[in-house]
Amino acid sequence: MFYVYVLQSKQDNKFYTGYTKNLKLRFDGHNKGRVQSTKNRLPLKLIYYEACLNQQDATHREKYLKTYYGKAFIKKRVKSYLTG
């Protein structure tokens, strides 16, 4: 399985979208500052993830979630979480 995930920075509330084969290990790496693109935005929280059967599906889904429409989907999907 491959996982597409969305993190939210508690520092600036911005999202980071990525994919991985090991979600727990990747999330730990993000929060320990081992990922260049998020190390200055710590701490991070995992707000959404999806499981895909193969890497190609995961990369396509990641690319979609990074688009305007993908970001709107995420905001709508986790709306009650984001608004409290």
PDB file of N, CA and C in Angstrom:
ATOM      1  N   MET A   1       0.835  -1.189   0.000  1.00  0.00           N
ATOM      2  CA  MET A   1       0.000   0.000   0.000  1.00  0.00           C
ATOM      3  C   MET A   1       0.877   1.249   0.000  1.00  0.00           C
ATOM      4  N   PHE A   2       0.380   2.273  -0.656  1.00  0.00           N
ATOM      5  CA  PHE A   2       1.003   3.592  -0.625  1.00  0.00           C
ATOM      6  C   PHE A   2      -0.022   4.562  -0.062  1.00  0.00           C
ATOM      7  N   TYR A   3       0.460   5.554   0.650  1.00  0.00           N
ATOM      8  CA  TYR A   3      -0.423   6.499   1.312  1.00  0.00           C
ATOM      9  C   TYR A   3      -0.169   7.912   0.805  1.00  0.00           C
ATOM     10  N   VAL A   4      -1.251   8.594   0.484  1.00  0.00           N
ATOM     11  CA  VAL A   4      -1.208  10.020   0.167  1.00  0.00           C
ATOM     12  C   VAL A   4      -1.680  10.714   1.435  1.00  0.00           C
ATOM     13  N   TYR A   5      -0.950  11.729   1.854  1.00  0.00           N
ATOM     14  CA  TYR A   5      -1.275  12.339   3.142  1.00  0.00           C
ATOM     15  C   TYR A   5      -1.215  13.859   3.048  1.00  0.00           C
ATOM     16  N   VAL A   6      -1.932  14.498   3.966  1.00  0.00           N
ATOM     17  CA  VAL A   6      -1.918  15.958   4.078  1.00  0.00           C
ATOM     18  C   VAL A   6      -1.592  16.305   5.518  1.00  0.00           C
ATOM     19  N   LEU A   7      -0.572  17.120   5.678  1.00  0.00           N
ATOM     20  CA  LEU A   7      -0.178  17.613   6.993  1.00  0.00           C
ATOM     21  C   LEU A   7      -0.548  19.085   7.090  1.00  0.00           C
ATOM     22  N   GLN A   8      -0.787  19.532   8.284  1.00  0.00           N
ATOM     23  CA  GLN A   8      -1.028  20.956   8.516  1.00  0.00           C
ATOM     24  C   GLN A   8      -0.028  21.451   9.544  1.00  0.00           C
ATOM     25  N   SER A   9       0.611  22.560   9.224  1.00  0.00           N
ATOM     26  CA  SER A   9       1.567  23.165  10.135  1.00  0.00           C
ATOM     27  C   SER A   9       0.805  23.900  11.238  1.00  0.00           C
ATOM     28  N   LYS A  10       1.167  23.641  12.475  1.00  0.00           N
ATOM     29  CA  LYS A  10       0.561  24.374  13.587  1.00  0.00           C
ATOM     30  C   LYS A  10       1.141  25.779  13.688  1.00  0.00           C
ATOM     31  N   GLN A  11       2.251  26.004  12.988  1.00  0.00           N
ATOM     32  CA  GLN A  11       2.916  27.311  13.012  1.00  0.00           C
ATOM     33  C   GLN A  11       2.233  28.312  12.075  1.00  0.00           C
ATOM     34  N   ASP A  12       1.958  27.885  10.820  1.00  0.00           N
ATOM     35  CA  ASP A  12       1.369  28.815   9.849  1.00  0.00           C
ATOM     36  C   ASP A  12       0.048  28.318   9.257  1.00  0.00           C
ATOM     37  N   ASN A  13      -0.456  27.172   9.725  1.00  0.00           N
ATOM     38  CA  ASN A  13      -1.716  26.569   9.279  1.00  0.00           C
ATOM     39  C   ASN A  13      -1.738  26.160   7.805  1.00  0.00           C
ATOM     40  N   LYS A  14      -0.598  26.179   7.129  1.00  0.00           N
ATOM     41  CA  LYS A  14      -0.550  25.765   5.728  1.00  0.00           C
ATOM     42  C   LYS A  14      -0.460  24.245   5.633  1.00  0.00           C
ATOM     43  N   PHE A  15      -0.862  23.737   4.451  1.00  0.00           N
ATOM     44  CA  PHE A  15      -0.871  22.302   4.202  1.00  0.00           C
ATOM     45  C   PHE A  15       0.388  21.852   3.486  1.00  0.00           C
ATOM     46  N   TYR A  16       0.749  20.598   3.706  1.00  0.00           N
ATOM     47  CA  TYR A  16       1.809  19.928   2.957  1.00  0.00           C
ATOM     48  C   TYR A  16       1.233  18.592   2.516  1.00  0.00           C
ATOM     49  N   THR A  17       1.340  18.275   1.236  1.00  0.00           N
ATOM     50  CA  THR A  17       0.819  17.031   0.688  1.00  0.00           C
ATOM     51  C   THR A  17       1.965  16.181   0.175  1.00  0.00           C
ATOM     52  N   GLY A  18       1.925  14.895   0.463  1.00  0.00           N
ATOM     53  CA  GLY A  18       2.958  13.984  -0.001  1.00  0.00           C
ATOM     54  C   GLY A  18       2.429  12.568  -0.094  1.00  0.00           C
ATOM     55  N   TYR A  19       3.303  11.645  -0.479  1.00  0.00           N
ATOM     56  CA  TYR A  19       2.937  10.229  -0.481  1.00  0.00           C
ATOM     57  C   TYR A  19       4.111   9.407   0.028  1.00  0.00           C
ATOM     58  N   THR A  20       3.793   8.230   0.525  1.00  0.00           N
ATOM     59  CA  THR A  20       4.815   7.364   1.107  1.00  0.00           C
ATOM     60  C   THR A  20       4.313   5.935   1.171  1.00  0.00           C
ATOM     61  N   LYS A  21       5.234   5.031   1.382  1.00  0.00           N
ATOM     62  CA  LYS A  21       4.870   3.632   1.581  1.00  0.00           C
ATOM     63  C   LYS A  21       4.678   3.339   3.073  1.00  0.00           C
ATOM     64  N   ASN A  22       5.343   4.103   3.934  1.00  0.00           N
ATOM     65  CA  ASN A  22       5.249   3.898   5.377  1.00  0.00           C
ATOM     66  C   ASN A  22       4.821   5.219   6.027  1.00  0.00           C
ATOM     67  N   LEU A  23       3.537   5.361   6.265  1.00  0.00           N
ATOM     68  CA  LEU A  23       2.987   6.626   6.753  1.00  0.00           C
ATOM     69  C   LEU A  23       3.521   7.004   8.131  1.00  0.00           C
ATOM     70  N   LYS A  24       3.571   6.060   9.047  1.00  0.00           N
ATOM     71  CA  LYS A  24       4.044   6.366  10.403  1.00  0.00           C
ATOM     72  C   LYS A  24       5.495   6.843  10.389  1.00  0.00           C
ATOM     73  N   LEU A  25       6.350   6.130   9.675  1.00  0.00           N
ATOM     74  CA  LEU A  25       7.758   6.507   9.604  1.00  0.00           C
ATOM     75  C   LEU A  25       7.937   7.878   8.946  1.00  0.00           C
ATOM     76  N   ARG A  26       7.197   8.135   7.878  1.00  0.00           N
ATOM     77  CA  ARG A  26       7.300   9.422   7.176  1.00  0.00           C
ATOM     78  C   ARG A  26       6.809  10.564   8.062  1.00  0.00           C
ATOM     79  N   PHE A  27       5.696  10.348   8.771  1.00  0.00           N
ATOM     80  CA  PHE A  27       5.163  11.383   9.657  1.00  0.00           C
ATOM     81  C   PHE A  27       6.156  11.688  10.779  1.00  0.00           C
ATOM     82  N   ASP A  28       6.755  10.651  11.339  1.00  0.00           N
ATOM     83  CA  ASP A  28       7.780  10.858  12.369  1.00  0.00           C
ATOM     84  C   ASP A  28       8.957  11.659  11.817  1.00  0.00           C
ATOM     85  N   GLY A  29       9.363  11.350  10.580  1.00  0.00           N
ATOM     86  CA  GLY A  29      10.451  12.085   9.942  1.00  0.00           C
ATOM     87  C   GLY A  29      10.121  13.556   9.766  1.00  0.00           C
ATOM     88  N   HIS A  30       8.893  13.839   9.378  1.00  0.00           N
ATOM     89  CA  HIS A  30       8.463  15.236   9.238  1.00  0.00           C
ATOM     90  C   HIS A  30       8.563  15.949  10.582  1.00  0.00           C
ATOM     91  N   ASN A  31       8.017  15.348  11.621  1.00  0.00           N
ATOM     92  CA  ASN A  31       7.966  16.023  12.925  1.00  0.00           C
ATOM     93  C   ASN A  31       9.301  16.078  13.643  1.00  0.00           C
ATOM     94  N   LYS A  32      10.268  15.304  13.194  1.00  0.00           N
ATOM     95  CA  LYS A  32      11.609  15.381  13.780  1.00  0.00           C
ATOM     96  C   LYS A  32      12.524  16.291  12.968  1.00  0.00           C
ATOM     97  N   GLY A  33      11.974  16.960  11.958  1.00  0.00           N
ATOM     98  CA  GLY A  33      12.750  17.911  11.177  1.00  0.00           C
ATOM     99  C   GLY A  33      13.659  17.282  10.136  1.00  0.00           C
ATOM    100  N   ARG A  34      13.402  16.052   9.750  1.00  0.00           N
ATOM    101  CA  ARG A  34      14.252  15.360   8.776  1.00  0.00           C
ATOM    102  C   ARG A  34      13.845  15.614   7.325  1.00  0.00           C
ATOM    103  N   VAL A  35      12.719  16.300   7.120  1.00  0.00           N
ATOM    104  CA  VAL A  35      12.236  16.585   5.771  1.00  0.00           C
ATOM    105  C   VAL A  35      12.454  18.074   5.498  1.00  0.00           C
ATOM    106  N   GLN A  36      13.264  18.358   4.502  1.00  0.00           N
ATOM    107  CA  GLN A  36      13.680  19.725   4.190  1.00  0.00           C
ATOM    108  C   GLN A  36      12.494  20.681   4.012  1.00  0.00           C
ATOM    109  N   SER A  37      11.477  20.234   3.291  1.00  0.00           N
ATOM    110  CA  SER A  37      10.377  21.138   2.955  1.00  0.00           C
ATOM    111  C   SER A  37       9.473  21.484   4.133  1.00  0.00           C
ATOM    112  N   THR A  38       9.541  20.742   5.218  1.00  0.00           N
ATOM    113  CA  THR A  38       8.674  21.039   6.362  1.00  0.00           C
ATOM    114  C   THR A  38       9.425  21.320   7.657  1.00  0.00           C
ATOM    115  N   LYS A  39      10.730  21.247   7.643  1.00  0.00           N
ATOM    116  CA  LYS A  39      11.467  21.357   8.914  1.00  0.00           C
ATOM    117  C   LYS A  39      11.336  22.726   9.576  1.00  0.00           C
ATOM    118  N   ASN A  40      11.032  23.775   8.817  1.00  0.00           N
ATOM    119  CA  ASN A  40      10.857  25.112   9.398  1.00  0.00           C
ATOM    120  C   ASN A  40       9.404  25.426   9.722  1.00  0.00           C
ATOM    121  N   ARG A  41       8.530  24.420   9.612  1.00  0.00           N
ATOM    122  CA  ARG A  41       7.099  24.640   9.844  1.00  0.00           C
ATOM    123  C   ARG A  41       6.565  23.747  10.961  1.00  0.00           C
ATOM    124  N   LEU A  42       7.438  23.294  11.829  1.00  0.00           N
ATOM    125  CA  LEU A  42       7.045  22.381  12.903  1.00  0.00           C
ATOM    126  C   LEU A  42       6.301  23.110  14.005  1.00  0.00           C
ATOM    127  N   PRO A  43       5.460  22.435  14.729  1.00  0.00           N
ATOM    128  CA  PRO A  43       5.051  21.039  14.606  1.00  0.00           C
ATOM    129  C   PRO A  43       3.970  20.871  13.538  1.00  0.00           C
ATOM    130  N   LEU A  44       3.809  19.633  13.097  1.00  0.00           N
ATOM    131  CA  LEU A  44       2.836  19.291  12.066  1.00  0.00           C
ATOM    132  C   LEU A  44       1.832  18.298  12.616  1.00  0.00           C
ATOM    133  N   LYS A  45       0.640  18.329  12.063  1.00  0.00           N
ATOM    134  CA  LYS A  45      -0.358  17.326  12.430  1.00  0.00           C
ATOM    135  C   LYS A  45      -0.909  16.699  11.158  1.00  0.00           C
ATOM    136  N   LEU A  46      -1.168  15.428  11.229  1.00  0.00           N
ATOM    137  CA  LEU A  46      -1.740  14.694  10.108  1.00  0.00           C
ATOM    138  C   LEU A  46      -3.235  14.935  10.115  1.00  0.00           C
ATOM    139  N   ILE A  47      -3.751  15.539   9.028  1.00  0.00           N
ATOM    140  CA  ILE A  47      -5.182  15.840   9.011  1.00  0.00           C
ATOM    141  C   ILE A  47      -5.959  14.977   8.023  1.00  0.00           C
ATOM    142  N   TYR A  48      -5.246  14.286   7.099  1.00  0.00           N
ATOM    143  CA  TYR A  48      -5.958  13.480   6.106  1.00  0.00           C
ATOM    144  C   TYR A  48      -4.992  12.506   5.456  1.00  0.00           C
ATOM    145  N   TYR A  49      -5.480  11.316   5.149  1.00  0.00           N
ATOM    146  CA  TYR A  49      -4.690  10.381   4.338  1.00  0.00           C
ATOM    147  C   TYR A  49      -5.607   9.424   3.593  1.00  0.00           C
ATOM    148  N   GLU A  50      -5.092   8.888   2.505  1.00  0.00           N
ATOM    149  CA  GLU A  50      -5.784   7.900   1.690  1.00  0.00           C
ATOM    150  C   GLU A  50      -4.804   6.778   1.388  1.00  0.00           C
ATOM    151  N   ALA A  51      -5.311   5.570   1.247  1.00  0.00           N
ATOM    152  CA  ALA A  51      -4.490   4.424   0.872  1.00  0.00           C
ATOM    153  C   ALA A  51      -4.696   4.123  -0.610  1.00  0.00           C
ATOM    154  N   CYS A  52      -3.612   3.836  -1.307  1.00  0.00           N
ATOM    155  CA  CYS A  52      -3.650   3.470  -2.717  1.00  0.00           C
ATOM    156  C   CYS A  52      -2.967   2.116  -2.893  1.00  0.00           C
ATOM    157  N   LEU A  53      -3.392   1.374  -3.890  1.00  0.00           N
ATOM    158  CA  LEU A  53      -2.846   0.038  -4.108  1.00  0.00           C
ATOM    159  C   LEU A  53      -1.465   0.040  -4.726  1.00  0.00           C
ATOM    160  N   ASN A  54      -1.120   1.101  -5.473  1.00  0.00           N
ATOM    161  CA  ASN A  54       0.208   1.143  -6.085  1.00  0.00           C
ATOM    162  C   ASN A  54       0.742   2.574  -6.113  1.00  0.00           C
ATOM    163  N   GLN A  55       2.022   2.697  -6.411  1.00  0.00           N
ATOM    164  CA  GLN A  55       2.699   3.994  -6.373  1.00  0.00           C
ATOM    165  C   GLN A  55       2.159   4.953  -7.429  1.00  0.00           C
ATOM    166  N   GLN A  56       1.842   4.441  -8.598  1.00  0.00           N
ATOM    167  CA  GLN A  56       1.346   5.309  -9.668  1.00  0.00           C
ATOM    168  C   GLN A  56       0.026   5.979  -9.270  1.00  0.00           C
ATOM    169  N   ASP A  57      -0.883   5.225  -8.669  1.00  0.00           N
ATOM    170  CA  ASP A  57      -2.137   5.818  -8.202  1.00  0.00           C
ATOM    171  C   ASP A  57      -1.876   6.869  -7.129  1.00  0.00           C
ATOM    172  N   ALA A  58      -0.935   6.592  -6.243  1.00  0.00           N
ATOM    173  CA  ALA A  58      -0.616   7.535  -5.167  1.00  0.00           C
ATOM    174  C   ALA A  58      -0.029   8.832  -5.720  1.00  0.00           C
ATOM    175  N   THR A  59       0.865   8.739  -6.705  1.00  0.00           N
ATOM    176  CA  THR A  59       1.470   9.958  -7.253  1.00  0.00           C
ATOM    177  C   THR A  59       0.438  10.775  -8.015  1.00  0.00           C
ATOM    178  N   HIS A  60      -0.474  10.104  -8.722  1.00  0.00           N
ATOM    179  CA  HIS A  60      -1.530  10.844  -9.424  1.00  0.00           C
ATOM    180  C   HIS A  60      -2.456  11.549  -8.440  1.00  0.00           C
ATOM    181  N   ARG A  61      -2.798  10.855  -7.366  1.00  0.00           N
ATOM    182  CA  ARG A  61      -3.674  11.458  -6.364  1.00  0.00           C
ATOM    183  C   ARG A  61      -2.972  12.617  -5.657  1.00  0.00           C
ATOM    184  N   GLU A  62      -1.694  12.465  -5.363  1.00  0.00           N
ATOM    185  CA  GLU A  62      -0.922  13.553  -4.741  1.00  0.00           C
ATOM    186  C   GLU A  62      -0.925  14.781  -5.636  1.00  0.00           C
ATOM    187  N   LYS A  63      -0.672  14.592  -6.916  1.00  0.00           N
ATOM    188  CA  LYS A  63      -0.670  15.719  -7.852  1.00  0.00           C
ATOM    189  C   LYS A  63      -2.022  16.403  -7.897  1.00  0.00           C
ATOM    190  N   TYR A  64      -3.105  15.614  -7.875  1.00  0.00           N
ATOM    191  CA  TYR A  64      -4.445  16.205  -7.873  1.00  0.00           C
ATOM    192  C   TYR A  64      -4.672  17.022  -6.600  1.00  0.00           C
ATOM    193  N   LEU A  65      -4.312  16.470  -5.456  1.00  0.00           N
ATOM    194  CA  LEU A  65      -4.560  17.167  -4.192  1.00  0.00           C
ATOM    195  C   LEU A  65      -3.752  18.455  -4.063  1.00  0.00           C
ATOM    196  N   LYS A  66      -2.715  18.609  -4.870  1.00  0.00           N
ATOM    197  CA  LYS A  66      -1.923  19.842  -4.856  1.00  0.00           C
ATOM    198  C   LYS A  66      -2.508  20.918  -5.764  1.00  0.00           C
ATOM    199  N   THR A  67      -3.526  20.583  -6.554  1.00  0.00           N
ATOM    200  CA  THR A  67      -4.165  21.558  -7.428  1.00  0.00           C
ATOM    201  C   THR A  67      -5.175  22.390  -6.638  1.00  0.00           C
ATOM    202  N   TYR A  68      -5.693  23.422  -7.274  1.00  0.00           N
ATOM    203  CA  TYR A  68      -6.732  24.254  -6.659  1.00  0.00           C
ATOM    204  C   TYR A  68      -7.933  23.397  -6.244  1.00  0.00           C
ATOM    205  N   TYR A  69      -8.381  22.527  -7.163  1.00  0.00           N
ATOM    206  CA  TYR A  69      -9.547  21.697  -6.886  1.00  0.00           C
ATOM    207  C   TYR A  69      -9.257  20.647  -5.806  1.00  0.00           C
ATOM    208  N   GLY A  70      -8.053  20.141  -5.793  1.00  0.00           N
ATOM    209  CA  GLY A  70      -7.664  19.189  -4.767  1.00  0.00           C
ATOM    210  C   GLY A  70      -7.624  19.827  -3.392  1.00  0.00           C
ATOM    211  N   LYS A  71      -7.105  21.034  -3.313  1.00  0.00           N
ATOM    212  CA  LYS A  71      -7.068  21.747  -2.032  1.00  0.00           C
ATOM    213  C   LYS A  71      -8.479  22.059  -1.545  1.00  0.00           C
ATOM    214  N   ALA A  72      -9.374  22.405  -2.489  1.00  0.00           N
ATOM    215  CA  ALA A  72     -10.772  22.651  -2.129  1.00  0.00           C
ATOM    216  C   ALA A  72     -11.421  21.369  -1.608  1.00  0.00           C
ATOM    217  N   PHE A  73     -11.099  20.232  -2.233  1.00  0.00           N
ATOM    218  CA  PHE A  73     -11.611  18.941  -1.775  1.00  0.00           C
ATOM    219  C   PHE A  73     -11.177  18.672  -0.336  1.00  0.00           C
ATOM    220  N   ILE A  74      -9.898  18.874  -0.052  1.00  0.00           N
ATOM    221  CA  ILE A  74      -9.385  18.632   1.300  1.00  0.00           C
ATOM    222  C   ILE A  74     -10.069  19.542   2.308  1.00  0.00           C
ATOM    223  N   LYS A  75     -10.181  20.820   1.985  1.00  0.00           N
ATOM    224  CA  LYS A  75     -10.814  21.765   2.914  1.00  0.00           C
ATOM    225  C   LYS A  75     -12.261  21.386   3.180  1.00  0.00           C
ATOM    226  N   LYS A  76     -12.968  20.934   2.144  1.00  0.00           N
ATOM    227  CA  LYS A  76     -14.351  20.507   2.321  1.00  0.00           C
ATOM    228  C   LYS A  76     -14.435  19.210   3.116  1.00  0.00           C
ATOM    229  N   ARG A  77     -13.521  18.304   2.833  1.00  0.00           N
ATOM    230  CA  ARG A  77     -13.509  16.984   3.470  1.00  0.00           C
ATOM    231  C   ARG A  77     -13.237  17.084   4.972  1.00  0.00           C
ATOM    232  N   VAL A  78     -12.381  17.991   5.386  1.00  0.00           N
ATOM    233  CA  VAL A  78     -12.021  18.122   6.800  1.00  0.00           C
ATOM    234  C   VAL A  78     -12.562  19.423   7.397  1.00  0.00           C
ATOM    235  N   LYS A  79     -13.625  19.929   6.806  1.00  0.00           N
ATOM    236  CA  LYS A  79     -14.180  21.216   7.224  1.00  0.00           C
ATOM    237  C   LYS A  79     -14.528  21.262   8.717  1.00  0.00           C
ATOM    238  N   SER A  80     -15.189  20.251   9.223  1.00  0.00           N
ATOM    239  CA  SER A  80     -15.577  20.286  10.637  1.00  0.00           C
ATOM    240  C   SER A  80     -14.358  20.227  11.547  1.00  0.00           C
ATOM    241  N   TYR A  81     -13.301  19.552  11.108  1.00  0.00           N
ATOM    242  CA  TYR A  81     -12.068  19.500  11.890  1.00  0.00           C
ATOM    243  C   TYR A  81     -11.395  20.864  11.912  1.00  0.00           C
ATOM    244  N   LEU A  82     -11.350  21.524  10.751  1.00  0.00           N
ATOM    245  CA  LEU A  82     -10.648  22.803  10.647  1.00  0.00           C
ATOM    246  C   LEU A  82     -11.387  23.931  11.352  1.00  0.00           C
ATOM    247  N   THR A  83     -12.699  23.875  11.388  1.00  0.00           N
ATOM    248  CA  THR A  83     -13.468  24.957  12.013  1.00  0.00           C
ATOM    249  C   THR A  83     -13.764  24.710  13.487  1.00  0.00           C
ATOM    250  N   GLY A  84     -13.493  23.503  13.939  1.00  0.00           N
ATOM    251  CA  GLY A  84     -13.678  23.186  15.352  1.00  0.00           C
ATOM    252  C   GLY A  84     -15.060  22.827  15.630  1.00  0.00           C
TER     253      GLY A  84
END
